[in-house]
PDB file of N, CA and C in Angstrom:
ATOM      1  N   UNK A   1      31.149-172.700  75.782  1.00  0.00           N
ATOM      2  CA  UNK A   1      32.095-173.800  75.744  1.00  0.00           C
ATOM      3  C   UNK A   1      31.419-175.071  76.263  1.00  0.00           C
ATOM      4  N   UNK A   2      31.585-176.161  75.553  1.00  0.00           N
ATOM      5  CA  UNK A   2      30.972-177.433  75.937  1.00  0.00           C
ATOM      6  C   UNK A   2      31.742-178.080  77.084  1.00  0.00           C
ATOM      7  N   UNK A   3      31.005-178.785  77.922  1.00  0.00           N
ATOM      8  CA  UNK A   3      31.610-179.486  79.054  1.00  0.00           C
ATOM      9  C   UNK A   3      32.425-180.664  78.534  1.00  0.00           C
ATOM     10  N   UNK A   4      33.582-180.899  79.144  1.00  0.00           N
ATOM     11  CA  UNK A   4      34.425-182.016  78.740  1.00  0.00           C
ATOM     12  C   UNK A   4      33.806-183.328  79.214  1.00  0.00           C
ATOM     13  N   UNK A   5      33.617-184.256  78.294  1.00  0.00           N
ATOM     14  CA  UNK A   5      33.077-185.578  78.618  1.00  0.00           C
ATOM     15  C   UNK A   5      34.252-186.503  78.920  1.00  0.00           C
ATOM     16  N   UNK A   6      34.137-187.253  79.989  1.00  0.00           N
ATOM     17  CA  UNK A   6      35.203-188.160  80.406  1.00  0.00           C
ATOM     18  C   UNK A   6      35.396-189.288  79.402  1.00  0.00           C
ATOM     19  N   UNK A   7      36.605-189.833  79.388  1.00  0.00           N
ATOM     20  CA  UNK A   7      36.926-190.990  78.567  1.00  0.00           C
ATOM     21  C   UNK A   7      37.257-192.151  79.494  1.00  0.00           C
ATOM     22  N   UNK A   8      37.298-193.354  78.958  1.00  0.00           N
ATOM     23  CA  UNK A   8      37.663-194.521  79.761  1.00  0.00           C
ATOM     24  C   UNK A   8      39.051-194.288  80.354  1.00  0.00           C
ATOM     25  N   UNK A   9      39.181-194.497  81.651  1.00  0.00           N
ATOM     26  CA  UNK A   9      40.450-194.292  82.347  1.00  0.00           C
ATOM     27  C   UNK A   9      40.581-192.933  82.999  1.00  0.00           C
ATOM     28  N   UNK A  10      39.686-191.991  82.673  1.00  0.00           N
ATOM     29  CA  UNK A  10      39.719-190.660  83.283  1.00  0.00           C
ATOM     30  C   UNK A  10      39.329-190.747  84.751  1.00  0.00           C
ATOM     31  N   UNK A  11      39.896-189.860  85.566  1.00  0.00           N
ATOM     32  CA  UNK A  11      39.501-189.744  86.966  1.00  0.00           C
ATOM     33  C   UNK A  11      38.517-188.589  87.054  1.00  0.00           C
ATOM     34  N   UNK A  12      37.358-188.853  87.675  1.00  0.00           N
ATOM     35  CA  UNK A  12      36.336-187.820  87.812  1.00  0.00           C
ATOM     36  C   UNK A  12      35.977-187.633  89.279  1.00  0.00           C
ATOM     37  N   UNK A  13      35.364-186.480  89.572  1.00  0.00           N
ATOM     38  CA  UNK A  13      34.876-186.200  90.920  1.00  0.00           C
ATOM     39  C   UNK A  13      33.400-185.858  90.824  1.00  0.00           C
ATOM     40  N   UNK A  14      32.599-186.384  91.758  1.00  0.00           N
ATOM     41  CA  UNK A  14      31.163-186.109  91.789  1.00  0.00           C
ATOM     42  C   UNK A  14      30.695-186.101  93.230  1.00  0.00           C
ATOM     43  N   UNK A  15      29.519-185.565  93.478  1.00  0.00           N
ATOM     44  CA  UNK A  15      28.954-185.429  94.830  1.00  0.00           C
ATOM     45  C   UNK A  15      29.931-184.753  95.787  1.00  0.00           C
ATOM     46  N   UNK A  16      30.732-183.816  95.305  1.00  0.00           N
ATOM     47  CA  UNK A  16      31.640-183.033  96.149  1.00  0.00           C
ATOM     48  C   UNK A  16      32.502-183.877  97.072  1.00  0.00           C
ATOM     49  N   UNK A  17      33.265-184.779  96.523  1.00  0.00           N
ATOM     50  CA  UNK A  17      34.204-185.520  97.344  1.00  0.00           C
ATOM     51  C   UNK A  17      34.387-186.974  96.974  1.00  0.00           C
ATOM     52  N   UNK A  18      33.597-187.474  96.049  1.00  0.00           N
ATOM     53  CA  UNK A  18      33.766-188.862  95.624  1.00  0.00           C
ATOM     54  C   UNK A  18      34.543-188.856  94.312  1.00  0.00           C
ATOM     55  N   UNK A  19      35.631-189.622  94.275  1.00  0.00           N
ATOM     56  CA  UNK A  19      36.436-189.730  93.064  1.00  0.00           C
ATOM     57  C   UNK A  19      36.420-191.165  92.584  1.00  0.00           C
ATOM     58  N   UNK A  20      36.564-191.310  91.269  1.00  0.00           N
ATOM     59  CA  UNK A  20      36.586-192.646  90.701  1.00  0.00           C
ATOM     60  C   UNK A  20      37.156-192.651  89.299  1.00  0.00           C
ATOM     61  N   UNK A  21      37.396-193.851  88.801  1.00  0.00           N
ATOM     62  CA  UNK A  21      37.950-194.052  87.467  1.00  0.00           C
ATOM     63  C   UNK A  21      36.829-194.507  86.542  1.00  0.00           C
ATOM     64  N   UNK A  22      36.717-193.845  85.399  1.00  0.00           N
ATOM     65  CA  UNK A  22      35.681-194.182  84.419  1.00  0.00           C
ATOM     66  C   UNK A  22      36.009-195.524  83.778  1.00  0.00           C
ATOM     67  N   UNK A  23      35.030-196.431  83.796  1.00  0.00           N
ATOM     68  CA  UNK A  23      35.224-197.746  83.198  1.00  0.00           C
ATOM     69  C   UNK A  23      34.481-197.904  81.879  1.00  0.00           C
ATOM     70  N   UNK A  24      33.367-197.172  81.729  1.00  0.00           N
ATOM     71  CA  UNK A  24      32.603-197.241  80.482  1.00  0.00           C
ATOM     72  C   UNK A  24      31.888-195.919  80.276  1.00  0.00           C
ATOM     73  N   UNK A  25      31.867-195.455  79.030  1.00  0.00           N
ATOM     74  CA  UNK A  25      31.177-194.216  78.681  1.00  0.00           C
ATOM     75  C   UNK A  25      29.929-194.573  77.891  1.00  0.00           C
ATOM     76  N   UNK A  26      28.775-194.113  78.381  1.00  0.00           N
ATOM     77  CA  UNK A  26      27.502-194.302  77.691  1.00  0.00           C
ATOM     78  C   UNK A  26      27.063-192.967  77.096  1.00  0.00           C
ATOM     79  N   UNK A  27      25.943-192.958  76.411  1.00  0.00           N
ATOM     80  CA  UNK A  27      25.461-191.740  75.759  1.00  0.00           C
ATOM     81  C   UNK A  27      25.200-190.613  76.751  1.00  0.00           C
ATOM     82  N   UNK A  28      24.570-190.919  77.882  1.00  0.00           N
ATOM     83  CA  UNK A  28      24.204-189.888  78.855  1.00  0.00           C
ATOM     84  C   UNK A  28      24.897-190.019  80.198  1.00  0.00           C
ATOM     85  N   UNK A  29      25.750-191.016  80.357  1.00  0.00           N
ATOM     86  CA  UNK A  29      26.351-191.266  81.665  1.00  0.00           C
ATOM     87  C   UNK A  29      27.656-192.040  81.526  1.00  0.00           C
ATOM     88  N   UNK A  30      28.330-192.203  82.671  1.00  0.00           N
ATOM     89  CA  UNK A  30      29.535-193.022  82.730  1.00  0.00           C
ATOM     90  C   UNK A  30      29.391-194.014  83.887  1.00  0.00           C
ATOM     91  N   UNK A  31      30.045-195.148  83.763  1.00  0.00           N
ATOM     92  CA  UNK A  31      30.121-196.113  84.857  1.00  0.00           C
ATOM     93  C   UNK A  31      31.484-195.919  85.502  1.00  0.00           C
ATOM     94  N   UNK A  32      31.467-195.740  86.835  1.00  0.00           N
ATOM     95  CA  UNK A  32      32.667-195.348  87.564  1.00  0.00           C
ATOM     96  C   UNK A  32      32.996-196.369  88.644  1.00  0.00           C
ATOM     97  N   UNK A  33      34.279-196.718  88.755  1.00  0.00           N
ATOM     98  CA  UNK A  33      34.770-197.516  89.880  1.00  0.00           C
ATOM     99  C   UNK A  33      35.233-196.521  90.937  1.00  0.00           C
ATOM    100  N   UNK A  34      34.586-196.511  92.094  1.00  0.00           N
ATOM    101  CA  UNK A  34      34.882-195.537  93.147  1.00  0.00           C
ATOM    102  C   UNK A  34      36.232-195.858  93.781  1.00  0.00           C
ATOM    103  N   UNK A  35      37.093-194.833  93.872  1.00  0.00           N
ATOM    104  CA  UNK A  35      38.414-195.012  94.474  1.00  0.00           C
ATOM    105  C   UNK A  35      38.576-194.234  95.768  1.00  0.00           C
ATOM    106  N   UNK A  36      37.813-193.147  95.928  1.00  0.00           N
ATOM    107  CA  UNK A  36      37.954-192.298  97.114  1.00  0.00           C
ATOM    108  C   UNK A  36      36.597-191.708  97.460  1.00  0.00           C
ATOM    109  N   UNK A  37      36.206-191.806  98.738  1.00  0.00           N
ATOM    110  CA  UNK A  37      34.911-191.288  99.172  1.00  0.00           C
ATOM    111  C   UNK A  37      35.104-190.457 100.437  1.00  0.00           C
ATOM    112  N   UNK A  38      35.014-189.136 100.312  1.00  0.00           N
ATOM    113  CA  UNK A  38      35.182-188.213 101.436  1.00  0.00           C
ATOM    114  C   UNK A  38      33.842-187.685 101.928  1.00  0.00           C
ATOM    115  N   UNK A  39      32.767-188.428 101.686  1.00  0.00           N
ATOM    116  CA  UNK A  39      31.423-187.996 102.064  1.00  0.00           C
ATOM    117  C   UNK A  39      30.782-189.039 102.971  1.00  0.00           C
ATOM    118  N   UNK A  40      29.681-188.693 103.616  1.00  0.00           N
ATOM    119  CA  UNK A  40      28.972-189.685 104.426  1.00  0.00           C
ATOM    120  C   UNK A  40      28.154-190.675 103.586  1.00  0.00           C
ATOM    121  N   UNK A  41      28.119-190.490 102.277  1.00  0.00           N
ATOM    122  CA  UNK A  41      27.382-191.408 101.402  1.00  0.00           C
ATOM    123  C   UNK A  41      28.091-192.755 101.337  1.00  0.00           C
ATOM    124  N   UNK A  42      27.319-193.830 101.307  1.00  0.00           N
ATOM    125  CA  UNK A  42      27.885-195.170 101.205  1.00  0.00           C
ATOM    126  C   UNK A  42      27.302-195.881  99.991  1.00  0.00           C
ATOM    127  N   UNK A  43      28.138-196.660  99.329  1.00  0.00           N
ATOM    128  CA  UNK A  43      27.717-197.448  98.178  1.00  0.00           C
ATOM    129  C   UNK A  43      27.954-198.913  98.499  1.00  0.00           C
ATOM    130  N   UNK A  44      26.988-199.774  98.168  1.00  0.00           N
ATOM    131  CA  UNK A  44      27.137-201.200  98.461  1.00  0.00           C
ATOM    132  C   UNK A  44      28.273-201.821  97.662  1.00  0.00           C
ATOM    133  N   UNK A  45      28.372-201.470  96.406  1.00  0.00           N
ATOM    134  CA  UNK A  45      29.458-201.959  95.567  1.00  0.00           C
ATOM    135  C   UNK A  45      30.489-200.861  95.400  1.00  0.00           C
ATOM    136  N   UNK A  46      31.465-201.108  94.585  1.00  0.00           N
ATOM    137  CA  UNK A  46      32.457-200.069  94.342  1.00  0.00           C
ATOM    138  C   UNK A  46      32.252-199.391  92.992  1.00  0.00           C
ATOM    139  N   UNK A  47      31.088-199.605  92.370  1.00  0.00           N
ATOM    140  CA  UNK A  47      30.776-198.971  91.084  1.00  0.00           C
ATOM    141  C   UNK A  47      29.446-198.249  91.165  1.00  0.00           C
ATOM    142  N   UNK A  48      29.326-197.200  90.343  1.00  0.00           N
ATOM    143  CA  UNK A  48      28.063-196.478  90.251  1.00  0.00           C
ATOM    144  C   UNK A  48      27.967-195.822  88.885  1.00  0.00           C
ATOM    145  N   UNK A  49      26.776-195.348  88.548  1.00  0.00           N
ATOM    146  CA  UNK A  49      26.520-194.652  87.287  1.00  0.00           C
ATOM    147  C   UNK A  49      26.362-193.172  87.596  1.00  0.00           C
ATOM    148  N   UNK A  50      27.041-192.321  86.801  1.00  0.00           N
ATOM    149  CA  UNK A  50      26.989-190.877  87.013  1.00  0.00           C
ATOM    150  C   UNK A  50      26.643-190.199  85.693  1.00  0.00           C
ATOM    151  N   UNK A  51      25.640-189.324  85.717  1.00  0.00           N
ATOM    152  CA  UNK A  51      25.234-188.557  84.542  1.00  0.00           C
ATOM    153  C   UNK A  51      26.345-187.583  84.164  1.00  0.00           C
ATOM    154  N   UNK A  52      26.489-187.305  82.863  1.00  0.00           N
ATOM    155  CA  UNK A  52      27.522-186.384  82.387  1.00  0.00           C
ATOM    156  C   UNK A  52      27.402-184.997  83.022  1.00  0.00           C
ATOM    157  N   UNK A  53      26.194-184.596  83.414  1.00  0.00           N
ATOM    158  CA  UNK A  53      25.986-183.270  84.007  1.00  0.00           C
ATOM    159  C   UNK A  53      26.462-183.200  85.452  1.00  0.00           C
ATOM    160  N   UNK A  54      26.742-184.337  86.078  1.00  0.00           N
ATOM    161  CA  UNK A  54      26.967-184.390  87.521  1.00  0.00           C
ATOM    162  C   UNK A  54      28.415-184.619  87.949  1.00  0.00           C
ATOM    163  N   UNK A  55      29.370-184.555  87.033  1.00  0.00           N
ATOM    164  CA  UNK A  55      30.764-184.771  87.427  1.00  0.00           C
ATOM    165  C   UNK A  55      31.688-183.759  86.769  1.00  0.00           C
ATOM    166  N   UNK A  56      32.904-183.696  87.304  1.00  0.00           N
ATOM    167  CA  UNK A  56      33.961-182.910  86.672  1.00  0.00           C
ATOM    168  C   UNK A  56      35.156-183.831  86.458  1.00  0.00           C
ATOM    169  N   UNK A  57      35.867-183.625  85.365  1.00  0.00           N
ATOM    170  CA  UNK A  57      37.039-184.435  85.046  1.00  0.00           C
ATOM    171  C   UNK A  57      38.228-183.882  85.819  1.00  0.00           C
ATOM    172  N   UNK A  58      38.890-184.746  86.604  1.00  0.00           N
ATOM    173  CA  UNK A  58      40.059-184.343  87.386  1.00  0.00           C
ATOM    174  C   UNK A  58      41.323-184.553  86.559  1.00  0.00           C
ATOM    175  N   UNK A  59      41.455-185.730  85.949  1.00  0.00           N
ATOM    176  CA  UNK A  59      42.615-185.988  85.076  1.00  0.00           C
ATOM    177  C   UNK A  59      42.323-187.127  84.126  1.00  0.00           C
TER     178      UNK A  59
END
């Protein structure tokens, strides 16, 4: 079974605790606006790029 690829507006989770809303879908990755961060990782901005292999779709 193929992994579900997120669509614009989907909520995804990555790095075991960071959630965000997909803003753009690229061929190998998505651009995400971070909404929740339950990890010690810090991001300078509120957006990041996540490879399709590194996230799960929450809703």
